[in-house]
Amino acid sequence: MASAFADVALKAIEAGWNPEEVASAMVELADHMMLGVIANGDLAYDLSILRRR
């Protein structure tokens, strides 16, 4: 995963992004992914409760 992460960062820099922009964007993407994982888990839990009724 680290290799793919570095590849994405290097491609963004080659496309004209500065390293700070790349790091910030990647942190934001990871944060959004984590929020999605949490929301999906919450939804799955809520649905499991509703299915029991």
C-alpha atoms as a PDB file:
ATOM      1  CA  MET A   1       0.000   0.000   0.000  1.00  0.00           C
ATOM      2  CA  ALA A   2       2.866   2.387   0.748  1.00  0.00           C
ATOM      3  CA  SER A   3       4.162   1.996  -2.790  1.00  0.00           C
ATOM      4  CA  ALA A   4       0.776   2.831  -4.323  1.00  0.00           C
ATOM      5  CA  PHE A   5       0.430   5.785  -1.944  1.00  0.00           C
ATOM      6  CA  ALA A   6       3.829   7.106  -3.020  1.00  0.00           C
ATOM      7  CA  ASP A   7       2.963   6.586  -6.696  1.00  0.00           C
ATOM      8  CA  VAL A   8      -0.205   8.678  -6.352  1.00  0.00           C
ATOM      9  CA  ALA A   9       1.716  11.402  -4.529  1.00  0.00           C
ATOM     10  CA  LEU A  10       4.452  11.488  -7.173  1.00  0.00           C
ATOM     11  CA  LYS A  11       1.913  11.630 -10.009  1.00  0.00           C
ATOM     12  CA  ALA A  12       0.163  14.555  -8.323  1.00  0.00           C
ATOM     13  CA  ILE A  13       3.484  16.385  -7.938  1.00  0.00           C
ATOM     14  CA  GLU A  14       4.324  15.679 -11.579  1.00  0.00           C
ATOM     15  CA  ALA A  15       0.910  17.142 -12.485  1.00  0.00           C
ATOM     16  CA  GLY A  16       1.863  20.403 -10.786  1.00  0.00           C
ATOM     17  CA  TRP A  17       0.666  20.017  -7.215  1.00  0.00           C
ATOM     18  CA  ASN A  18       3.123  21.036  -4.505  1.00  0.00           C
ATOM     19  CA  PRO A  19       3.991  18.478  -1.822  1.00  0.00           C
ATOM     20  CA  GLU A  20       1.951  20.284   0.839  1.00  0.00           C
ATOM     21  CA  GLU A  21      -1.163  20.222  -1.365  1.00  0.00           C
ATOM     22  CA  VAL A  22      -0.645  16.531  -2.072  1.00  0.00           C
ATOM     23  CA  ALA A  23      -0.238  15.670   1.604  1.00  0.00           C
ATOM     24  CA  SER A  24      -3.292  17.716   2.563  1.00  0.00           C
ATOM     25  CA  ALA A  25      -5.448  16.153  -0.162  1.00  0.00           C
ATOM     26  CA  MET A  26      -4.371  12.632   0.774  1.00  0.00           C
ATOM     27  CA  VAL A  27      -5.103  13.232   4.463  1.00  0.00           C
ATOM     28  CA  GLU A  28      -8.527  14.604   3.536  1.00  0.00           C
ATOM     29  CA  LEU A  29      -9.238  11.582   1.324  1.00  0.00           C
ATOM     30  CA  ALA A  30      -8.237   9.204   4.120  1.00  0.00           C
ATOM     31  CA  ASP A  31     -10.446  11.116   6.567  1.00  0.00           C
ATOM     32  CA  HIS A  32     -13.427  10.920   4.219  1.00  0.00           C
ATOM     33  CA  MET A  33     -12.824   7.222   3.683  1.00  0.00           C
ATOM     34  CA  MET A  34     -12.771   6.613   7.448  1.00  0.00           C
ATOM     35  CA  LEU A  35     -15.986   8.603   7.906  1.00  0.00           C
ATOM     36  CA  GLY A  36     -17.579   6.457   5.183  1.00  0.00           C
ATOM     37  CA  VAL A  37     -16.444   3.251   6.864  1.00  0.00           C
ATOM     38  CA  ILE A  38     -17.912   4.432  10.176  1.00  0.00           C
ATOM     39  CA  ALA A  39     -21.192   5.518   8.537  1.00  0.00           C
ATOM     40  CA  ASN A  40     -21.495   2.175   6.735  1.00  0.00           C
ATOM     41  CA  GLY A  41     -20.921   0.316   9.992  1.00  0.00           C
ATOM     42  CA  ASP A  42     -23.545   2.415  11.751  1.00  0.00           C
ATOM     43  CA  LEU A  43     -26.002   1.792   8.921  1.00  0.00           C
ATOM     44  CA  ALA A  44     -25.357  -1.956   8.976  1.00  0.00           C
ATOM     45  CA  TYR A  45     -25.979  -1.996  12.727  1.00  0.00           C
ATOM     46  CA  ASP A  46     -29.202   0.012  12.394  1.00  0.00           C
ATOM     47  CA  LEU A  47     -30.441  -2.253   9.593  1.00  0.00           C
ATOM     48  CA  SER A  48     -29.700  -5.363  11.632  1.00  0.00           C
ATOM     49  CA  ILE A  49     -31.879  -3.991  14.435  1.00  0.00           C
ATOM     50  CA  LEU A  50     -34.703  -3.161  12.032  1.00  0.00           C
ATOM     51  CA  ARG A  51     -34.573  -6.641  10.485  1.00  0.00           C
ATOM     52  CA  ARG A  52     -35.108  -8.236  13.903  1.00  0.00           C
ATOM     53  CA  ARG A  53     -38.470  -6.520  14.322  1.00  0.00           C
END
